[in-house]
Amino acid sequence: MDISPSGRDPACRPGCAACCTAPSIASPIPGMPQGKPAGVPCLQLDPSLRCRLFGRPERPAFCASLRPGPEMCGASRAEAMSILAALEAATAP
């Protein structure tokens, strides 16, 4: 995980997108009107695995609520996928 330009807050790990892949998203996403199932990459990821909706009103509130940090991101993309998949399983209805 990188540090943001401010030097205080953690920033997203380049090329990760675990939080855009591992969890399910119940609310509509442009191109995914029914949301997305867990483990499926969001259609709004660009080729660099960056969100095309970042900062836009169409971005789901769930996505905007996610904040990168060690408890969610771990030390690698694989660890982040594992952490988020476990959280998804623990919170599934």
N, C-alpha and C. Protein backbone atom coordinates (compact mmCIF):
# COMPACT_ATOMS: atom_id res chain seq x y z
N MET A 1 0.84 -1.17 0.00
CA MET A 1 0.00 0.00 0.00
C MET A 1 0.89 1.23 0.00
N ASP A 2 0.50 2.22 -0.76
CA ASP A 2 1.27 3.45 -0.86
C ASP A 2 0.72 4.48 0.12
N ILE A 3 1.47 5.53 0.31
CA ILE A 3 1.03 6.66 1.12
C ILE A 3 0.56 7.74 0.17
N SER A 4 -0.54 8.40 0.51
CA SER A 4 -1.07 9.45 -0.35
C SER A 4 -0.08 10.61 -0.42
N PRO A 5 -0.29 11.51 -1.39
CA PRO A 5 0.63 12.64 -1.51
C PRO A 5 0.71 13.50 -0.25
N SER A 6 -0.35 13.49 0.57
CA SER A 6 -0.31 14.28 1.80
C SER A 6 0.66 13.67 2.81
N GLY A 7 1.01 12.37 2.60
CA GLY A 7 1.92 11.70 3.51
C GLY A 7 1.25 11.15 4.75
N ARG A 8 -0.06 11.34 4.90
CA ARG A 8 -0.75 10.91 6.11
C ARG A 8 -1.63 9.70 5.89
N ASP A 9 -2.44 9.72 4.87
CA ASP A 9 -3.42 8.67 4.66
C ASP A 9 -2.89 7.62 3.69
N PRO A 10 -3.21 6.35 3.95
CA PRO A 10 -2.81 5.34 2.98
C PRO A 10 -3.56 5.56 1.66
N ALA A 11 -2.92 5.27 0.57
CA ALA A 11 -3.54 5.38 -0.75
C ALA A 11 -3.67 3.98 -1.34
N CYS A 12 -4.48 3.87 -2.36
CA CYS A 12 -4.67 2.57 -3.01
C CYS A 12 -3.35 2.06 -3.59
N ARG A 13 -3.20 0.75 -3.53
CA ARG A 13 -2.03 0.09 -4.11
C ARG A 13 -2.24 0.04 -5.63
N PRO A 14 -1.34 0.56 -6.41
CA PRO A 14 -1.51 0.51 -7.87
C PRO A 14 -1.68 -0.92 -8.36
N GLY A 15 -2.61 -1.10 -9.29
CA GLY A 15 -2.84 -2.40 -9.89
C GLY A 15 -3.52 -3.40 -8.99
N CYS A 16 -4.14 -2.98 -7.90
CA CYS A 16 -4.75 -3.91 -6.95
C CYS A 16 -6.21 -4.19 -7.29
N ALA A 17 -7.07 -3.23 -7.04
CA ALA A 17 -8.51 -3.33 -7.31
C ALA A 17 -9.19 -4.48 -6.57
N ALA A 18 -8.60 -4.95 -5.47
CA ALA A 18 -9.24 -6.02 -4.70
C ALA A 18 -10.61 -5.58 -4.19
N CYS A 19 -10.73 -4.31 -3.77
CA CYS A 19 -12.01 -3.83 -3.25
C CYS A 19 -13.03 -3.64 -4.36
N CYS A 20 -12.61 -3.67 -5.61
CA CYS A 20 -13.51 -3.56 -6.76
C CYS A 20 -13.80 -4.94 -7.35
N THR A 21 -13.27 -5.98 -6.73
CA THR A 21 -13.42 -7.34 -7.23
C THR A 21 -14.01 -8.27 -6.17
N ALA A 22 -13.41 -8.31 -4.99
CA ALA A 22 -13.79 -9.30 -3.98
C ALA A 22 -15.22 -9.13 -3.44
N PRO A 23 -15.63 -7.94 -3.03
CA PRO A 23 -16.96 -7.84 -2.42
C PRO A 23 -18.09 -7.78 -3.44
N SER A 24 -19.26 -8.20 -3.00
CA SER A 24 -20.46 -7.98 -3.80
C SER A 24 -20.90 -6.53 -3.58
N ILE A 25 -21.57 -5.98 -4.58
CA ILE A 25 -22.11 -4.64 -4.47
C ILE A 25 -23.57 -4.74 -4.88
N ALA A 26 -24.48 -4.43 -3.96
CA ALA A 26 -25.91 -4.60 -4.20
C ALA A 26 -26.53 -3.46 -5.00
N SER A 27 -25.94 -2.29 -4.95
CA SER A 27 -26.53 -1.15 -5.64
C SER A 27 -26.12 -1.12 -7.12
N PRO A 28 -26.93 -0.47 -7.94
CA PRO A 28 -26.59 -0.39 -9.37
C PRO A 28 -25.27 0.34 -9.61
N ILE A 29 -24.58 -0.12 -10.63
CA ILE A 29 -23.33 0.47 -11.10
C ILE A 29 -23.54 0.67 -12.60
N PRO A 30 -23.11 1.80 -13.18
CA PRO A 30 -23.25 1.92 -14.64
C PRO A 30 -22.66 0.70 -15.35
N GLY A 31 -23.47 0.08 -16.18
CA GLY A 31 -23.06 -1.13 -16.88
C GLY A 31 -23.38 -2.40 -16.11
N MET A 32 -23.74 -2.26 -14.84
CA MET A 32 -24.09 -3.40 -13.98
C MET A 32 -25.33 -2.99 -13.17
N PRO A 33 -26.49 -2.92 -13.82
CA PRO A 33 -27.69 -2.39 -13.14
C PRO A 33 -28.15 -3.20 -11.93
N GLN A 34 -27.74 -4.45 -11.83
CA GLN A 34 -28.11 -5.28 -10.68
C GLN A 34 -27.00 -5.32 -9.63
N GLY A 35 -26.00 -4.47 -9.79
CA GLY A 35 -24.83 -4.54 -8.91
C GLY A 35 -23.87 -5.60 -9.43
N LYS A 36 -23.03 -6.11 -8.55
CA LYS A 36 -22.09 -7.15 -8.99
C LYS A 36 -21.91 -8.20 -7.91
N PRO A 37 -21.74 -9.44 -8.32
CA PRO A 37 -21.49 -10.50 -7.35
C PRO A 37 -20.05 -10.46 -6.83
N ALA A 38 -19.85 -11.07 -5.70
CA ALA A 38 -18.50 -11.18 -5.12
C ALA A 38 -17.59 -11.92 -6.08
N GLY A 39 -16.35 -11.47 -6.16
CA GLY A 39 -15.35 -12.12 -6.98
C GLY A 39 -15.34 -11.71 -8.44
N VAL A 40 -16.28 -10.87 -8.84
CA VAL A 40 -16.36 -10.40 -10.22
C VAL A 40 -15.82 -8.98 -10.29
N PRO A 41 -14.85 -8.71 -11.16
CA PRO A 41 -14.35 -7.34 -11.26
C PRO A 41 -15.44 -6.38 -11.75
N CYS A 42 -15.46 -5.21 -11.21
CA CYS A 42 -16.41 -4.18 -11.63
C CYS A 42 -16.12 -3.79 -13.07
N LEU A 43 -17.16 -3.59 -13.85
CA LEU A 43 -16.99 -3.18 -15.24
C LEU A 43 -16.42 -1.77 -15.36
N GLN A 44 -16.42 -1.01 -14.28
CA GLN A 44 -15.92 0.36 -14.32
C GLN A 44 -14.42 0.46 -14.03
N LEU A 45 -13.75 -0.66 -13.94
CA LEU A 45 -12.29 -0.64 -13.80
C LEU A 45 -11.67 -0.39 -15.17
N ASP A 46 -10.68 0.50 -15.21
CA ASP A 46 -9.99 0.74 -16.48
C ASP A 46 -8.86 -0.28 -16.63
N PRO A 47 -8.13 -0.27 -17.74
CA PRO A 47 -7.06 -1.25 -17.94
C PRO A 47 -5.97 -1.21 -16.86
N SER A 48 -5.83 -0.08 -16.17
CA SER A 48 -4.85 0.03 -15.08
C SER A 48 -5.44 -0.35 -13.73
N LEU A 49 -6.66 -0.89 -13.74
CA LEU A 49 -7.40 -1.27 -12.53
C LEU A 49 -7.69 -0.07 -11.63
N ARG A 50 -8.02 1.05 -12.25
CA ARG A 50 -8.45 2.25 -11.53
C ARG A 50 -9.93 2.46 -11.83
N CYS A 51 -10.65 3.02 -10.87
CA CYS A 51 -12.09 3.24 -11.00
C CYS A 51 -12.39 4.42 -11.92
N ARG A 52 -13.20 4.17 -12.94
CA ARG A 52 -13.61 5.24 -13.84
C ARG A 52 -14.64 6.16 -13.19
N LEU A 53 -15.27 5.70 -12.10
CA LEU A 53 -16.31 6.48 -11.43
C LEU A 53 -15.81 7.24 -10.22
N PHE A 54 -14.54 7.12 -9.89
CA PHE A 54 -14.01 7.76 -8.69
C PHE A 54 -14.34 9.25 -8.70
N GLY A 55 -14.96 9.72 -7.61
CA GLY A 55 -15.32 11.13 -7.48
C GLY A 55 -16.56 11.55 -8.23
N ARG A 56 -17.23 10.63 -8.89
CA ARG A 56 -18.44 10.95 -9.66
C ARG A 56 -19.68 10.52 -8.88
N PRO A 57 -20.80 11.19 -9.11
CA PRO A 57 -22.03 10.85 -8.37
C PRO A 57 -22.56 9.45 -8.66
N GLU A 58 -22.20 8.86 -9.79
CA GLU A 58 -22.66 7.51 -10.13
C GLU A 58 -21.97 6.43 -9.32
N ARG A 59 -20.89 6.77 -8.66
CA ARG A 59 -20.15 5.79 -7.88
C ARG A 59 -21.01 5.34 -6.70
N PRO A 60 -21.18 4.03 -6.52
CA PRO A 60 -22.00 3.54 -5.40
C PRO A 60 -21.48 4.02 -4.04
N ALA A 61 -22.40 4.29 -3.13
CA ALA A 61 -22.03 4.74 -1.79
C ALA A 61 -21.13 3.71 -1.10
N PHE A 62 -21.38 2.43 -1.34
CA PHE A 62 -20.54 1.38 -0.75
C PHE A 62 -19.09 1.59 -1.15
N CYS A 63 -18.85 1.85 -2.42
CA CYS A 63 -17.48 2.03 -2.91
C CYS A 63 -16.84 3.26 -2.26
N ALA A 64 -17.62 4.33 -2.18
CA ALA A 64 -17.10 5.57 -1.60
C ALA A 64 -16.78 5.40 -0.12
N SER A 65 -17.44 4.45 0.54
CA SER A 65 -17.22 4.24 1.97
C SER A 65 -15.93 3.47 2.28
N LEU A 66 -15.38 2.80 1.29
CA LEU A 66 -14.17 2.01 1.51
C LEU A 66 -12.96 2.92 1.66
N ARG A 67 -12.15 2.64 2.64
CA ARG A 67 -10.93 3.42 2.88
C ARG A 67 -9.75 2.45 2.95
N PRO A 68 -8.73 2.65 2.13
CA PRO A 68 -7.59 1.74 2.18
C PRO A 68 -6.89 1.81 3.53
N GLY A 69 -6.48 0.66 3.99
CA GLY A 69 -5.75 0.57 5.25
C GLY A 69 -5.28 -0.85 5.45
N PRO A 70 -4.36 -1.07 6.36
CA PRO A 70 -3.79 -2.41 6.57
C PRO A 70 -4.84 -3.47 6.87
N GLU A 71 -5.90 -3.10 7.59
CA GLU A 71 -6.92 -4.09 7.96
C GLU A 71 -7.73 -4.57 6.76
N MET A 72 -7.76 -3.80 5.69
CA MET A 72 -8.49 -4.18 4.49
C MET A 72 -7.54 -4.59 3.37
N CYS A 73 -6.42 -3.93 3.26
CA CYS A 73 -5.52 -4.10 2.12
C CYS A 73 -4.40 -5.09 2.35
N GLY A 74 -4.06 -5.35 3.60
CA GLY A 74 -2.95 -6.26 3.87
C GLY A 74 -1.66 -5.77 3.24
N ALA A 75 -0.78 -6.69 2.95
CA ALA A 75 0.53 -6.35 2.40
C ALA A 75 0.64 -6.57 0.90
N SER A 76 -0.42 -7.12 0.28
CA SER A 76 -0.38 -7.41 -1.15
C SER A 76 -1.80 -7.50 -1.69
N ARG A 77 -1.93 -7.56 -3.01
CA ARG A 77 -3.26 -7.73 -3.60
C ARG A 77 -3.85 -9.07 -3.18
N ALA A 78 -3.03 -10.12 -3.17
CA ALA A 78 -3.52 -11.44 -2.78
C ALA A 78 -4.04 -11.42 -1.35
N GLU A 79 -3.33 -10.76 -0.46
CA GLU A 79 -3.79 -10.67 0.93
C GLU A 79 -5.07 -9.85 1.02
N ALA A 80 -5.17 -8.76 0.27
CA ALA A 80 -6.39 -7.96 0.26
C ALA A 80 -7.57 -8.78 -0.25
N MET A 81 -7.37 -9.55 -1.31
CA MET A 81 -8.44 -10.40 -1.84
C MET A 81 -8.89 -11.39 -0.77
N SER A 82 -7.97 -11.97 -0.04
CA SER A 82 -8.29 -12.93 1.01
C SER A 82 -9.07 -12.27 2.14
N ILE A 83 -8.60 -11.12 2.59
CA ILE A 83 -9.26 -10.39 3.67
C ILE A 83 -10.69 -10.02 3.26
N LEU A 84 -10.83 -9.47 2.06
CA LEU A 84 -12.15 -9.02 1.61
C LEU A 84 -13.08 -10.19 1.31
N ALA A 85 -12.55 -11.30 0.83
CA ALA A 85 -13.38 -12.49 0.59
C ALA A 85 -13.88 -13.04 1.93
N ALA A 86 -13.04 -13.04 2.94
CA ALA A 86 -13.47 -13.50 4.27
C ALA A 86 -14.53 -12.58 4.84
N LEU A 87 -14.36 -11.29 4.69
CA LEU A 87 -15.35 -10.33 5.16
C LEU A 87 -16.68 -10.50 4.41
N GLU A 88 -16.60 -10.71 3.12
CA GLU A 88 -17.80 -10.97 2.31
C GLU A 88 -18.54 -12.20 2.84
N ALA A 89 -17.81 -13.28 3.08
CA ALA A 89 -18.43 -14.51 3.58
C ALA A 89 -19.04 -14.30 4.96
N ALA A 90 -18.36 -13.55 5.81
CA ALA A 90 -18.86 -13.33 7.17
C ALA A 90 -20.09 -12.45 7.22
N THR A 91 -20.29 -11.62 6.20
CA THR A 91 -21.43 -10.70 6.23
C THR A 91 -22.53 -11.08 5.25
N ALA A 92 -22.37 -12.22 4.57
CA ALA A 92 -23.40 -12.67 3.61
C ALA A 92 -24.68 -13.03 4.37
N PRO A 93 -25.82 -12.72 3.75
CA PRO A 93 -27.10 -13.07 4.42
C PRO A 93 -27.31 -14.56 4.56
